[in-house]
Structure formats: C-alpha cells, structure tokens
Amino acid sequence: MAPPGGLTPGLQAHIDRGIVRQGPVLTWADSVGAAEGAATGGGDLTGWECSDSSFHIEDFVDVEVATVDDTPLIAESDQRTLLLHGLAFALQLSRLIYALDPPNAVRCIIAANNTNATFRFHQIRQGESWNVPDLDTYLQDKMIVLDIEPT
C-alpha cells in the first residue's frame, strides 16, 4: 500500500512539522490558525480543525495535470496515486497522534477527484462529523476515512 517511490520529501517535511494540542483543538505545530478562536467560533471544533489541517496533496506529489477550458484535470490513475500518498501520510500522522499525552482519537479524511486531492484531520467528537458516514454518497470523490483510535 506504499505509494510509488514512498512518501515524497514534501509530504515528509509536512509531517515533520508535528502536531500540538492548543486548548480544545489539534493543529499543526506551526499553524497560524488562532486556536483560541476555535472554541468561540460557533462551537464547531471539528470544522475548525478540518479547515486548519487541510492541504492539497497534489502540491506535494508530482502527477500529470491536464488543463481543459482553464480547469485542471487529474487522471483517475493519478487520483489513486494521490490517495496512496494521503494514506501513507495518515499512517505517519498516526505516530504523532500516539505520541500525544494523552493521545486523542483522530479521523483523517483523504479525498481525490478530477481536479484535486485533499487531506485533513480532526479529533473524533461525539455528535460531530465533517464527512457523511456513507462514503458512497460522494459521487465525484474517491475517499479514504481512517480513524486513529489510541487506547
């Protein structure tokens, strides 16, 4: 399940940033997001974490992007490659999650379609979810949802 050539240096550098707990949220250690505003931003901590942790995988993985009518298009085979890199990234992130004191249950969401691929994470909270549980409802996206649940 490893991506071709392993995790790219850019993705490894992204993981090497580390994660930290800032009050009620988890964030990249060098995040510019104002974590103290997360709790006062309508109480959607899951949405805040997803927004703060989100990035485009294709920014770190060399894939062929065609342009049709000024719209970037990523071939299905390259979407799979991006998903593999996202999964490998999530497995690396799990090491950081397990190293937290105390560790938290975290959901990683990896999605790819014909224009981009994204990675994001959030803590698993009762009654909050960023994605629809039935992944078959995502008709345009290929999705991987990985729950990291330290015990």
C-alpha atoms as a PDB file:
ATOM      1  CA  MET A   1       0.000   0.000   0.000  1.00  0.00           C
ATOM      2  CA  ALA A   2       3.013   2.279  -0.042  1.00  0.00           C
ATOM      3  CA  PRO A   3       2.910   4.977  -2.713  1.00  0.00           C
ATOM      4  CA  PRO A   4       5.276   4.684  -5.682  1.00  0.00           C
ATOM      5  CA  GLY A   5       8.679   5.903  -4.515  1.00  0.00           C
ATOM      6  CA  GLY A   6       7.494   6.221  -0.896  1.00  0.00           C
ATOM      7  CA  LEU A   7       6.314   9.362   0.838  1.00  0.00           C
ATOM      8  CA  THR A   8       7.566  12.418  -1.056  1.00  0.00           C
ATOM      9  CA  PRO A   9      10.093  14.717   0.646  1.00  0.00           C
ATOM     10  CA  GLY A  10       7.465  17.488   0.670  1.00  0.00           C
ATOM     11  CA  LEU A  11       4.920  15.314   2.477  1.00  0.00           C
ATOM     12  CA  GLN A  12       7.593  14.107   4.900  1.00  0.00           C
ATOM     13  CA  ALA A  13       8.502  17.739   5.650  1.00  0.00           C
ATOM     14  CA  HIS A  14       4.802  18.428   6.258  1.00  0.00           C
ATOM     15  CA  ILE A  15       4.634  15.554   8.785  1.00  0.00           C
ATOM     16  CA  ASP A  16       7.875  16.733  10.384  1.00  0.00           C
ATOM     17  CA  ARG A  17       6.097  19.991  11.329  1.00  0.00           C
ATOM     18  CA  GLY A  18       4.427  17.980  14.095  1.00  0.00           C
ATOM     19  CA  ILE A  19       1.072  18.497  15.768  1.00  0.00           C
ATOM     20  CA  VAL A  20       0.193  20.099  19.079  1.00  0.00           C
ATOM     21  CA  ARG A  21      -2.814  20.438  21.297  1.00  0.00           C
ATOM     22  CA  GLN A  22      -3.962  24.037  21.618  1.00  0.00           C
ATOM     23  CA  GLY A  23      -6.807  24.097  24.087  1.00  0.00           C
ATOM     24  CA  PRO A  24      -9.654  22.005  22.649  1.00  0.00           C
ATOM     25  CA  VAL A  25      -8.125  21.518  19.185  1.00  0.00           C
ATOM     26  CA  LEU A  26      -5.246  19.726  17.497  1.00  0.00           C
ATOM     27  CA  THR A  27      -3.276  21.690  14.948  1.00  0.00           C
ATOM     28  CA  TRP A  28      -0.003  21.655  13.059  1.00  0.00           C
ATOM     29  CA  ALA A  29       2.751  22.882  15.381  1.00  0.00           C
ATOM     30  CA  ASP A  30       3.468  25.871  13.139  1.00  0.00           C
ATOM     31  CA  SER A  31      -0.160  26.654  12.297  1.00  0.00           C
ATOM     32  CA  VAL A  32      -1.078  30.306  12.003  1.00  0.00           C
ATOM     33  CA  GLY A  33      -4.686  29.464  12.919  1.00  0.00           C
ATOM     34  CA  ALA A  34      -5.859  31.195  16.068  1.00  0.00           C
ATOM     35  CA  ALA A  35      -6.745  28.141  18.145  1.00  0.00           C
ATOM     36  CA  GLU A  36      -8.249  30.261  20.914  1.00  0.00           C
ATOM     37  CA  GLY A  37     -10.872  31.409  18.403  1.00  0.00           C
ATOM     38  CA  ALA A  38     -11.853  27.811  17.625  1.00  0.00           C
ATOM     39  CA  ALA A  39     -13.909  27.424  20.775  1.00  0.00           C
ATOM     40  CA  THR A  40     -15.707  30.727  20.253  1.00  0.00           C
ATOM     41  CA  GLY A  41     -16.331  30.265  16.525  1.00  0.00           C
ATOM     42  CA  GLY A  42     -19.800  28.766  16.916  1.00  0.00           C
ATOM     43  CA  GLY A  43     -18.581  25.656  18.707  1.00  0.00           C
ATOM     44  CA  ASP A  44     -17.679  23.772  15.514  1.00  0.00           C
ATOM     45  CA  LEU A  45     -14.309  22.485  16.671  1.00  0.00           C
ATOM     46  CA  THR A  46     -14.380  19.688  14.093  1.00  0.00           C
ATOM     47  CA  GLY A  47     -14.900  22.158  11.246  1.00  0.00           C
ATOM     48  CA  TRP A  48     -12.133  24.382  12.615  1.00  0.00           C
ATOM     49  CA  GLU A  49      -9.657  21.503  12.803  1.00  0.00           C
ATOM     50  CA  CYS A  50     -10.566  20.320   9.285  1.00  0.00           C
ATOM     51  CA  SER A  51     -10.063  23.800   7.900  1.00  0.00           C
ATOM     52  CA  ASP A  52      -6.783  24.341   9.732  1.00  0.00           C
ATOM     53  CA  SER A  53      -5.296  20.939   8.899  1.00  0.00           C
ATOM     54  CA  SER A  54      -6.402  20.781   5.247  1.00  0.00           C
ATOM     55  CA  PHE A  55      -3.947  20.830   2.362  1.00  0.00           C
ATOM     56  CA  HIS A  56      -3.806  19.732  -1.279  1.00  0.00           C
ATOM     57  CA  ILE A  57      -1.844  16.517  -1.754  1.00  0.00           C
ATOM     58  CA  GLU A  58      -1.078  17.320  -5.405  1.00  0.00           C
ATOM     59  CA  ASP A  59       1.013  20.268  -4.175  1.00  0.00           C
ATOM     60  CA  PHE A  60       3.491  17.677  -2.833  1.00  0.00           C
ATOM     61  CA  VAL A  61       3.194  14.823  -5.342  1.00  0.00           C
ATOM     62  CA  ASP A  62       4.200  15.042  -8.976  1.00  0.00           C
ATOM     63  CA  VAL A  63       1.178  13.993 -11.051  1.00  0.00           C
ATOM     64  CA  GLU A  64       0.113  14.853 -14.581  1.00  0.00           C
ATOM     65  CA  VAL A  65      -2.453  17.659 -14.590  1.00  0.00           C
ATOM     66  CA  ALA A  66      -4.087  18.431 -17.918  1.00  0.00           C
ATOM     67  CA  THR A  67      -5.976  21.663 -18.485  1.00  0.00           C
ATOM     68  CA  VAL A  68      -9.294  21.793 -20.327  1.00  0.00           C
ATOM     69  CA  ASP A  69     -11.050  25.161 -20.583  1.00  0.00           C
ATOM     70  CA  ASP A  70      -8.775  26.523 -17.821  1.00  0.00           C
ATOM     71  CA  THR A  71      -9.838  23.687 -15.482  1.00  0.00           C
ATOM     72  CA  PRO A  72      -7.106  21.372 -14.166  1.00  0.00           C
ATOM     73  CA  LEU A  73      -7.932  17.695 -14.668  1.00  0.00           C
ATOM     74  CA  ILE A  74      -6.252  14.810 -12.879  1.00  0.00           C
ATOM     75  CA  ALA A  75      -6.472  11.342 -14.453  1.00  0.00           C
ATOM     76  CA  GLU A  76      -8.087   8.558 -12.432  1.00  0.00           C
ATOM     77  CA  SER A  77      -4.793   6.647 -12.175  1.00  0.00           C
ATOM     78  CA  ASP A  78      -3.133   9.750 -10.700  1.00  0.00           C
ATOM     79  CA  GLN A  79      -6.057  10.193  -8.296  1.00  0.00           C
ATOM     80  CA  ARG A  80      -5.252   6.716  -6.972  1.00  0.00           C
ATOM     81  CA  THR A  81      -1.598   7.700  -6.611  1.00  0.00           C
ATOM     82  CA  LEU A  82      -2.630  10.793  -4.638  1.00  0.00           C
ATOM     83  CA  LEU A  83      -4.858   8.659  -2.400  1.00  0.00           C
ATOM     84  CA  LEU A  84      -1.943   6.297  -1.717  1.00  0.00           C
ATOM     85  CA  HIS A  85       0.236   9.237  -0.713  1.00  0.00           C
ATOM     86  CA  GLY A  86      -2.564  10.541   1.507  1.00  0.00           C
ATOM     87  CA  LEU A  87      -2.915   7.158   3.180  1.00  0.00           C
ATOM     88  CA  ALA A  88       0.842   6.884   3.740  1.00  0.00           C
ATOM     89  CA  PHE A  89       0.756  10.408   5.192  1.00  0.00           C
ATOM     90  CA  ALA A  90      -2.102   9.428   7.540  1.00  0.00           C
ATOM     91  CA  LEU A  91      -0.125   6.416   8.761  1.00  0.00           C
ATOM     92  CA  GLN A  92       2.833   8.703   9.522  1.00  0.00           C
ATOM     93  CA  LEU A  93       0.461  11.117  11.283  1.00  0.00           C
ATOM     94  CA  SER A  94      -0.763   8.249  13.472  1.00  0.00           C
ATOM     95  CA  ARG A  95       2.696   8.120  15.086  1.00  0.00           C
ATOM     96  CA  LEU A  96       2.272  11.769  16.097  1.00  0.00           C
ATOM     97  CA  ILE A  97      -1.229  11.065  17.446  1.00  0.00           C
ATOM     98  CA  TYR A  98       0.012   8.168  19.571  1.00  0.00           C
ATOM     99  CA  ALA A  99       2.807  10.383  20.948  1.00  0.00           C
ATOM    100  CA  LEU A 100       0.343  12.960  22.324  1.00  0.00           C
ATOM    101  CA  ASP A 101      -0.105  12.951  26.092  1.00  0.00           C
ATOM    102  CA  PRO A 102      -2.839  11.872  26.334  1.00  0.00           C
ATOM    103  CA  PRO A 103      -3.432  10.621  22.784  1.00  0.00           C
ATOM    104  CA  ASN A 104      -6.735  11.536  21.124  1.00  0.00           C
ATOM    105  CA  ALA A 105      -8.917   9.658  18.660  1.00  0.00           C
ATOM    106  CA  VAL A 106      -8.449  11.369  15.285  1.00  0.00           C
ATOM    107  CA  ARG A 107     -10.143  10.958  11.906  1.00  0.00           C
ATOM    108  CA  CYS A 108      -8.139  11.503   8.725  1.00  0.00           C
ATOM    109  CA  ILE A 109     -10.116  12.284   5.579  1.00  0.00           C
ATOM    110  CA  ILE A 110      -8.438  11.846   2.208  1.00  0.00           C
ATOM    111  CA  ALA A 111     -10.383  12.741  -0.919  1.00  0.00           C
ATOM    112  CA  ALA A 112      -9.419  12.837  -4.588  1.00  0.00           C
ATOM    113  CA  ASN A 113     -11.381  13.857  -7.653  1.00  0.00           C
ATOM    114  CA  ASN A 114     -10.574  15.027 -11.156  1.00  0.00           C
ATOM    115  CA  THR A 115      -9.435  18.494 -10.024  1.00  0.00           C
ATOM    116  CA  ASN A 116      -7.590  17.959  -6.718  1.00  0.00           C
ATOM    117  CA  ALA A 117      -6.852  15.760  -3.714  1.00  0.00           C
ATOM    118  CA  THR A 118      -7.119  16.909  -0.114  1.00  0.00           C
ATOM    119  CA  PHE A 119      -6.006  15.673   3.278  1.00  0.00           C
ATOM    120  CA  ARG A 120      -7.484  16.879   6.562  1.00  0.00           C
ATOM    121  CA  PHE A 121      -7.872  15.618  10.103  1.00  0.00           C
ATOM    122  CA  HIS A 122      -9.991  16.278  13.172  1.00  0.00           C
ATOM    123  CA  GLN A 123     -10.473  14.803  16.609  1.00  0.00           C
ATOM    124  CA  ILE A 124     -13.353  12.367  16.831  1.00  0.00           C
ATOM    125  CA  ARG A 125     -16.050  14.035  18.916  1.00  0.00           C
ATOM    126  CA  GLN A 126     -19.434  12.683  19.923  1.00  0.00           C
ATOM    127  CA  GLY A 127     -22.122  14.188  17.692  1.00  0.00           C
ATOM    128  CA  GLU A 128     -19.682  15.937  15.322  1.00  0.00           C
ATOM    129  CA  SER A 129     -18.526  14.732  11.925  1.00  0.00           C
ATOM    130  CA  TRP A 130     -17.015  16.523   8.966  1.00  0.00           C
ATOM    131  CA  ASN A 131     -17.862  13.871   6.392  1.00  0.00           C
ATOM    132  CA  VAL A 132     -21.026  11.949   5.582  1.00  0.00           C
ATOM    133  CA  PRO A 133     -20.573   8.422   7.005  1.00  0.00           C
ATOM    134  CA  ASP A 134     -21.877   6.746   3.815  1.00  0.00           C
ATOM    135  CA  LEU A 135     -18.914   7.330   1.510  1.00  0.00           C
ATOM    136  CA  ASP A 136     -20.927   6.042  -1.455  1.00  0.00           C
ATOM    137  CA  THR A 137     -22.802   9.369  -1.440  1.00  0.00           C
ATOM    138  CA  TYR A 138     -19.647  11.103  -2.694  1.00  0.00           C
ATOM    139  CA  LEU A 139     -20.220  10.587  -6.397  1.00  0.00           C
ATOM    140  CA  GLN A 140     -17.363  12.784  -7.649  1.00  0.00           C
ATOM    141  CA  ASP A 141     -14.779  11.924  -4.998  1.00  0.00           C
ATOM    142  CA  LYS A 142     -12.799   8.848  -4.114  1.00  0.00           C
ATOM    143  CA  MET A 143     -12.466   8.865  -0.336  1.00  0.00           C
ATOM    144  CA  ILE A 144     -10.497   7.191   2.403  1.00  0.00           C
ATOM    145  CA  VAL A 145     -11.519   7.797   6.006  1.00  0.00           C
ATOM    146  CA  LEU A 146      -9.065   6.486   8.561  1.00  0.00           C
ATOM    147  CA  ASP A 147      -9.801   6.579  12.272  1.00  0.00           C
ATOM    148  CA  ILE A 148      -6.810   6.565  14.593  1.00  0.00           C
ATOM    149  CA  GLU A 149      -8.079   5.397  17.971  1.00  0.00           C
ATOM    150  CA  PRO A 150      -5.363   5.071  20.606  1.00  0.00           C
ATOM    151  CA  THR A 151      -6.455   3.125  23.674  1.00  0.00           C
END
